[in-house]
N, C-alpha and C. Protein backbone atom coordinates (compact mmCIF):
# COMPACT_ATOMS: atom_id res chain seq x y z
N MET A 1 0.85 -1.18 0.00
CA MET A 1 0.00 0.00 0.00
C MET A 1 0.90 1.24 0.00
N ARG A 2 0.82 2.03 -1.06
CA ARG A 2 1.65 3.24 -1.18
C ARG A 2 0.78 4.47 -0.95
N ILE A 3 1.26 5.36 -0.08
CA ILE A 3 0.55 6.60 0.23
C ILE A 3 1.44 7.78 -0.15
N MET A 4 0.85 8.75 -0.84
CA MET A 4 1.59 9.96 -1.21
C MET A 4 1.15 11.11 -0.32
N LEU A 5 2.13 11.78 0.30
CA LEU A 5 1.89 12.97 1.11
C LEU A 5 2.25 14.19 0.27
N ILE A 6 1.31 15.10 0.10
CA ILE A 6 1.54 16.31 -0.68
C ILE A 6 1.32 17.50 0.24
N ASP A 7 2.43 18.12 0.65
CA ASP A 7 2.36 19.21 1.62
C ASP A 7 3.65 20.01 1.52
N PRO A 8 3.57 21.35 1.46
CA PRO A 8 4.80 22.14 1.39
C PRO A 8 5.60 22.12 2.70
N SER A 9 4.98 21.72 3.79
CA SER A 9 5.65 21.72 5.10
C SER A 9 6.31 20.37 5.37
N LYS A 10 7.65 20.38 5.46
CA LYS A 10 8.36 19.14 5.78
C LYS A 10 7.95 18.63 7.16
N GLU A 11 7.73 19.55 8.09
CA GLU A 11 7.32 19.17 9.44
C GLU A 11 5.99 18.40 9.40
N SER A 12 5.03 18.89 8.64
CA SER A 12 3.73 18.20 8.52
C SER A 12 3.91 16.84 7.86
N ARG A 13 4.72 16.79 6.79
CA ARG A 13 4.95 15.50 6.12
C ARG A 13 5.59 14.51 7.08
N ASP A 14 6.56 14.97 7.88
CA ASP A 14 7.23 14.09 8.84
C ASP A 14 6.24 13.57 9.89
N GLU A 15 5.37 14.45 10.40
CA GLU A 15 4.37 14.03 11.39
C GLU A 15 3.42 12.99 10.78
N HIS A 16 2.95 13.27 9.57
CA HIS A 16 2.03 12.33 8.91
C HIS A 16 2.72 11.00 8.63
N ARG A 17 3.97 11.07 8.18
CA ARG A 17 4.73 9.84 7.89
C ARG A 17 4.85 8.99 9.16
N ALA A 18 5.14 9.62 10.29
CA ALA A 18 5.27 8.89 11.56
C ALA A 18 3.94 8.24 11.94
N THR A 19 2.84 8.95 11.77
CA THR A 19 1.53 8.38 12.07
C THR A 19 1.22 7.21 11.15
N LEU A 20 1.52 7.37 9.87
CA LEU A 20 1.29 6.28 8.92
C LEU A 20 2.11 5.05 9.29
N ALA A 21 3.34 5.26 9.75
CA ALA A 21 4.19 4.14 10.17
C ALA A 21 3.57 3.39 11.34
N THR A 22 2.96 4.12 12.30
CA THR A 22 2.33 3.45 13.43
C THR A 22 1.13 2.61 12.99
N LEU A 23 0.54 2.98 11.84
CA LEU A 23 -0.58 2.21 11.29
C LEU A 23 -0.09 1.06 10.40
N GLY A 24 1.23 0.97 10.22
CA GLY A 24 1.80 -0.10 9.41
C GLY A 24 2.04 0.28 7.96
N TYR A 25 1.85 1.54 7.62
CA TYR A 25 2.07 2.00 6.24
C TYR A 25 3.44 2.68 6.16
N LYS A 26 4.39 1.95 5.58
CA LYS A 26 5.76 2.46 5.50
C LYS A 26 6.16 2.86 4.08
N ASP A 27 5.36 2.47 3.09
CA ASP A 27 5.64 2.85 1.70
C ASP A 27 4.98 4.20 1.44
N VAL A 28 5.71 5.26 1.80
CA VAL A 28 5.19 6.62 1.72
C VAL A 28 6.11 7.44 0.81
N VAL A 29 5.51 8.10 -0.16
CA VAL A 29 6.26 9.01 -1.03
C VAL A 29 5.77 10.42 -0.76
N GLU A 30 6.64 11.39 -1.01
CA GLU A 30 6.32 12.78 -0.68
C GLU A 30 6.45 13.69 -1.88
N ALA A 31 5.63 14.73 -1.87
CA ALA A 31 5.72 15.81 -2.85
C ALA A 31 5.52 17.12 -2.10
N GLN A 32 6.21 18.17 -2.54
CA GLN A 32 6.13 19.45 -1.84
C GLN A 32 4.97 20.31 -2.29
N ASP A 33 4.44 20.05 -3.48
CA ASP A 33 3.32 20.85 -3.98
C ASP A 33 2.58 20.07 -5.07
N GLY A 34 1.52 20.67 -5.57
CA GLY A 34 0.69 19.99 -6.55
C GLY A 34 1.41 19.68 -7.85
N GLN A 35 2.24 20.60 -8.33
CA GLN A 35 2.97 20.37 -9.57
C GLN A 35 3.95 19.20 -9.41
N ASP A 36 4.66 19.18 -8.30
CA ASP A 36 5.59 18.09 -8.00
C ASP A 36 4.83 16.76 -7.94
N ALA A 37 3.68 16.77 -7.30
CA ALA A 37 2.88 15.55 -7.17
C ALA A 37 2.39 15.07 -8.53
N LEU A 38 1.90 15.98 -9.37
CA LEU A 38 1.42 15.58 -10.69
C LEU A 38 2.53 14.97 -11.52
N ALA A 39 3.75 15.48 -11.36
CA ALA A 39 4.89 14.95 -12.10
C ALA A 39 5.26 13.55 -11.62
N ARG A 40 5.00 13.25 -10.35
CA ARG A 40 5.42 11.97 -9.76
C ARG A 40 4.33 10.91 -9.68
N VAL A 41 3.08 11.32 -9.74
CA VAL A 41 1.97 10.41 -9.43
C VAL A 41 1.91 9.21 -10.37
N ALA A 42 2.20 9.39 -11.64
CA ALA A 42 2.14 8.26 -12.58
C ALA A 42 3.21 7.22 -12.25
N ALA A 43 4.41 7.67 -11.96
CA ALA A 43 5.51 6.75 -11.66
C ALA A 43 5.35 6.10 -10.28
N ASP A 44 4.85 6.86 -9.32
CA ASP A 44 4.76 6.35 -7.95
C ASP A 44 3.49 5.55 -7.68
N ALA A 45 2.47 5.72 -8.51
CA ALA A 45 1.21 4.96 -8.42
C ALA A 45 0.70 4.80 -6.98
N PRO A 46 0.35 5.91 -6.31
CA PRO A 46 -0.13 5.79 -4.93
C PRO A 46 -1.51 5.15 -4.85
N ASP A 47 -1.74 4.46 -3.72
CA ASP A 47 -3.05 3.86 -3.45
C ASP A 47 -3.95 4.84 -2.71
N MET A 48 -3.34 5.89 -2.17
CA MET A 48 -4.07 6.94 -1.45
C MET A 48 -3.21 8.19 -1.45
N LEU A 49 -3.86 9.36 -1.43
CA LEU A 49 -3.13 10.62 -1.36
C LEU A 49 -3.62 11.44 -0.18
N VAL A 50 -2.68 12.08 0.51
CA VAL A 50 -2.99 13.04 1.57
C VAL A 50 -2.55 14.39 1.02
N VAL A 51 -3.51 15.30 0.85
CA VAL A 51 -3.24 16.56 0.15
C VAL A 51 -3.55 17.76 1.04
N GLU A 52 -2.55 18.61 1.24
CA GLU A 52 -2.74 19.89 1.92
C GLU A 52 -3.42 20.83 0.94
N ASN A 53 -4.49 21.49 1.36
CA ASN A 53 -5.20 22.39 0.46
C ASN A 53 -4.44 23.70 0.23
N ASP A 54 -3.80 24.21 1.26
CA ASP A 54 -3.13 25.51 1.18
C ASP A 54 -1.68 25.32 0.73
N MET A 55 -1.48 25.32 -0.60
CA MET A 55 -0.14 25.16 -1.17
C MET A 55 0.14 26.31 -2.12
N PRO A 56 1.42 26.66 -2.27
CA PRO A 56 1.76 27.71 -3.23
C PRO A 56 1.52 27.23 -4.66
N GLY A 57 1.12 28.13 -5.50
CA GLY A 57 0.92 27.79 -6.91
C GLY A 57 -0.42 27.13 -7.17
N MET A 58 -0.51 25.87 -6.89
CA MET A 58 -1.72 25.08 -7.14
C MET A 58 -2.32 24.66 -5.80
N SER A 59 -3.56 25.04 -5.56
CA SER A 59 -4.21 24.63 -4.30
C SER A 59 -4.44 23.12 -4.31
N GLY A 60 -4.73 22.59 -3.14
CA GLY A 60 -5.04 21.17 -3.05
C GLY A 60 -6.25 20.79 -3.89
N LEU A 61 -7.29 21.63 -3.86
CA LEU A 61 -8.49 21.34 -4.66
C LEU A 61 -8.19 21.39 -6.15
N ALA A 62 -7.34 22.32 -6.58
CA ALA A 62 -6.95 22.38 -7.99
C ALA A 62 -6.17 21.12 -8.36
N PHE A 63 -5.30 20.66 -7.45
CA PHE A 63 -4.58 19.41 -7.69
C PHE A 63 -5.56 18.25 -7.85
N VAL A 64 -6.54 18.16 -6.94
CA VAL A 64 -7.52 17.07 -6.99
C VAL A 64 -8.26 17.07 -8.33
N ASP A 65 -8.70 18.24 -8.77
CA ASP A 65 -9.38 18.33 -10.07
C ASP A 65 -8.49 17.84 -11.20
N THR A 66 -7.26 18.30 -11.23
CA THR A 66 -6.33 17.91 -12.30
C THR A 66 -6.02 16.42 -12.22
N TYR A 67 -5.80 15.92 -11.02
CA TYR A 67 -5.52 14.50 -10.81
C TYR A 67 -6.66 13.64 -11.37
N HIS A 68 -7.89 14.01 -11.06
CA HIS A 68 -9.04 13.25 -11.56
C HIS A 68 -9.19 13.40 -13.08
N GLN A 69 -8.95 14.59 -13.61
CA GLN A 69 -9.03 14.79 -15.06
C GLN A 69 -8.02 13.92 -15.79
N ARG A 70 -6.90 13.64 -15.15
CA ARG A 70 -5.87 12.80 -15.76
C ARG A 70 -6.09 11.31 -15.49
N GLY A 71 -7.24 10.99 -14.92
CA GLY A 71 -7.59 9.58 -14.71
C GLY A 71 -7.22 9.00 -13.37
N GLY A 72 -6.77 9.82 -12.44
CA GLY A 72 -6.41 9.33 -11.11
C GLY A 72 -7.63 8.83 -10.35
N THR A 73 -7.48 7.71 -9.68
CA THR A 73 -8.61 7.10 -8.98
C THR A 73 -8.36 6.84 -7.49
N ALA A 74 -7.14 7.04 -7.02
CA ALA A 74 -6.86 6.77 -5.60
C ALA A 74 -7.66 7.73 -4.73
N PRO A 75 -8.15 7.26 -3.59
CA PRO A 75 -8.91 8.14 -2.70
C PRO A 75 -8.00 9.22 -2.10
N ILE A 76 -8.61 10.35 -1.81
CA ILE A 76 -7.85 11.51 -1.34
C ILE A 76 -8.38 12.00 0.00
N LEU A 77 -7.45 12.22 0.92
CA LEU A 77 -7.72 12.86 2.21
C LEU A 77 -7.20 14.29 2.10
N LEU A 78 -8.10 15.26 2.19
CA LEU A 78 -7.72 16.67 2.07
C LEU A 78 -7.55 17.27 3.46
N VAL A 79 -6.45 17.98 3.67
CA VAL A 79 -6.16 18.65 4.94
C VAL A 79 -6.29 20.15 4.70
N ASP A 80 -7.07 20.83 5.55
CA ASP A 80 -7.27 22.27 5.36
C ASP A 80 -7.34 22.97 6.71
N GLY A 81 -6.94 24.22 6.72
CA GLY A 81 -6.93 25.00 7.95
C GLY A 81 -8.19 25.77 8.23
N ALA A 82 -9.13 25.79 7.30
CA ALA A 82 -10.34 26.59 7.48
C ALA A 82 -11.58 25.70 7.51
N ALA A 83 -12.42 25.95 8.50
CA ALA A 83 -13.69 25.21 8.60
C ALA A 83 -14.75 25.95 7.80
N ASP A 84 -14.44 26.18 6.55
CA ASP A 84 -15.31 26.93 5.64
C ASP A 84 -16.28 25.97 4.97
N HIS A 85 -17.57 26.19 5.19
CA HIS A 85 -18.59 25.30 4.64
C HIS A 85 -18.48 25.18 3.12
N ASP A 86 -18.19 26.28 2.45
CA ASP A 86 -18.05 26.24 0.99
C ASP A 86 -16.86 25.40 0.55
N LYS A 87 -15.76 25.45 1.31
CA LYS A 87 -14.59 24.63 0.98
C LYS A 87 -14.91 23.15 1.14
N VAL A 88 -15.62 22.82 2.19
CA VAL A 88 -15.99 21.42 2.41
C VAL A 88 -16.88 20.93 1.27
N LYS A 89 -17.85 21.75 0.87
CA LYS A 89 -18.72 21.37 -0.25
C LYS A 89 -17.92 21.23 -1.54
N ALA A 90 -16.97 22.15 -1.76
CA ALA A 90 -16.13 22.07 -2.96
C ALA A 90 -15.28 20.81 -2.94
N ALA A 91 -14.78 20.43 -1.77
CA ALA A 91 -13.98 19.22 -1.65
C ALA A 91 -14.81 17.98 -1.98
N ILE A 92 -16.03 17.95 -1.49
CA ILE A 92 -16.93 16.83 -1.78
C ILE A 92 -17.23 16.76 -3.27
N ARG A 93 -17.53 17.91 -3.86
CA ARG A 93 -17.79 17.95 -5.31
C ARG A 93 -16.57 17.49 -6.11
N ALA A 94 -15.38 17.81 -5.60
CA ALA A 94 -14.15 17.43 -6.30
C ALA A 94 -13.84 15.94 -6.17
N GLY A 95 -14.57 15.25 -5.30
CA GLY A 95 -14.36 13.82 -5.16
C GLY A 95 -13.40 13.42 -4.05
N VAL A 96 -13.19 14.32 -3.09
CA VAL A 96 -12.34 14.01 -1.95
C VAL A 96 -13.05 12.98 -1.07
N ALA A 97 -12.32 11.95 -0.65
CA ALA A 97 -12.92 10.88 0.15
C ALA A 97 -13.10 11.28 1.61
N SER A 98 -12.20 12.13 2.12
CA SER A 98 -12.27 12.53 3.52
C SER A 98 -11.60 13.90 3.67
N PHE A 99 -11.96 14.60 4.74
CA PHE A 99 -11.54 15.99 4.95
C PHE A 99 -11.18 16.14 6.42
N VAL A 100 -9.99 16.66 6.71
CA VAL A 100 -9.59 16.86 8.11
C VAL A 100 -9.09 18.30 8.27
N LEU A 101 -9.46 18.90 9.40
CA LEU A 101 -9.10 20.29 9.67
C LEU A 101 -7.81 20.40 10.48
N LYS A 102 -7.05 21.47 10.19
CA LYS A 102 -5.86 21.77 10.97
C LYS A 102 -6.24 22.70 12.11
N PRO A 103 -5.52 22.68 13.20
CA PRO A 103 -4.34 21.85 13.41
C PRO A 103 -4.73 20.38 13.51
N VAL A 104 -3.91 19.54 12.92
CA VAL A 104 -4.23 18.12 12.81
C VAL A 104 -3.74 17.37 14.04
N ASP A 105 -4.68 16.83 14.78
CA ASP A 105 -4.37 15.89 15.85
C ASP A 105 -4.04 14.56 15.16
N GLN A 106 -2.92 13.96 15.49
CA GLN A 106 -2.49 12.77 14.75
C GLN A 106 -3.42 11.56 14.97
N ASP A 107 -4.11 11.49 16.09
CA ASP A 107 -5.10 10.42 16.29
C ASP A 107 -6.26 10.61 15.32
N THR A 108 -6.71 11.84 15.17
CA THR A 108 -7.78 12.14 14.22
C THR A 108 -7.30 11.87 12.80
N PHE A 109 -6.07 12.27 12.51
CA PHE A 109 -5.49 12.00 11.19
C PHE A 109 -5.50 10.50 10.90
N ALA A 110 -5.09 9.70 11.88
CA ALA A 110 -5.06 8.24 11.70
C ALA A 110 -6.46 7.70 11.41
N GLN A 111 -7.47 8.19 12.12
CA GLN A 111 -8.85 7.75 11.88
C GLN A 111 -9.29 8.09 10.46
N HIS A 112 -8.93 9.28 9.99
CA HIS A 112 -9.30 9.69 8.63
C HIS A 112 -8.55 8.88 7.57
N VAL A 113 -7.31 8.52 7.85
CA VAL A 113 -6.55 7.67 6.92
C VAL A 113 -7.27 6.33 6.77
N LEU A 114 -7.63 5.72 7.89
CA LEU A 114 -8.31 4.42 7.84
C LEU A 114 -9.66 4.54 7.14
N LYS A 115 -10.39 5.61 7.39
CA LYS A 115 -11.68 5.85 6.74
C LYS A 115 -11.48 6.00 5.23
N THR A 116 -10.46 6.74 4.83
CA THR A 116 -10.19 6.96 3.41
C THR A 116 -9.78 5.66 2.73
N LEU A 117 -8.93 4.89 3.38
CA LEU A 117 -8.50 3.61 2.79
C LEU A 117 -9.67 2.63 2.70
N ALA A 118 -10.60 2.70 3.65
CA ALA A 118 -11.78 1.83 3.59
C ALA A 118 -12.60 2.15 2.35
N LYS A 119 -12.65 3.41 1.97
CA LYS A 119 -13.37 3.79 0.75
C LYS A 119 -12.69 3.22 -0.48
N ARG A 120 -11.37 3.11 -0.45
CA ARG A 120 -10.65 2.51 -1.57
C ARG A 120 -11.01 1.04 -1.70
N LYS A 121 -11.05 0.37 -0.57
CA LYS A 121 -11.33 -1.07 -0.58
C LYS A 121 -12.76 -1.37 -0.99
N SER A 122 -13.68 -0.44 -0.69
CA SER A 122 -15.09 -0.69 -1.03
C SER A 122 -15.43 -0.23 -2.44
N ALA A 123 -14.50 0.45 -3.09
CA ALA A 123 -14.77 0.96 -4.46
C ALA A 123 -14.65 -0.14 -5.49
């Protein structure tokens, strides 16, 4: 099971990677932004993506749209700092499997990872 972390913050990626390791997921690839992720996603073939919405250049939602337009099917967990009802609706419309708010408690993050992966298995 390969999981891709897309976040400009190395600290956030490191925290998420550590949580994923406690869940038994050690095949983790990283990207710093949406453009980097789009360049790597075909070669890395992730089974799930964790995407920070607030990224320079391309937002997380813009990445999700482009990823799906290019045929990507892995479930996506979107991380965002704003509890904005419109953003949540936009994420759902974009096909995001799960949504978690920052600051991210790693126990909550772990629950959302498992929820997102369950959607992959049921698809």
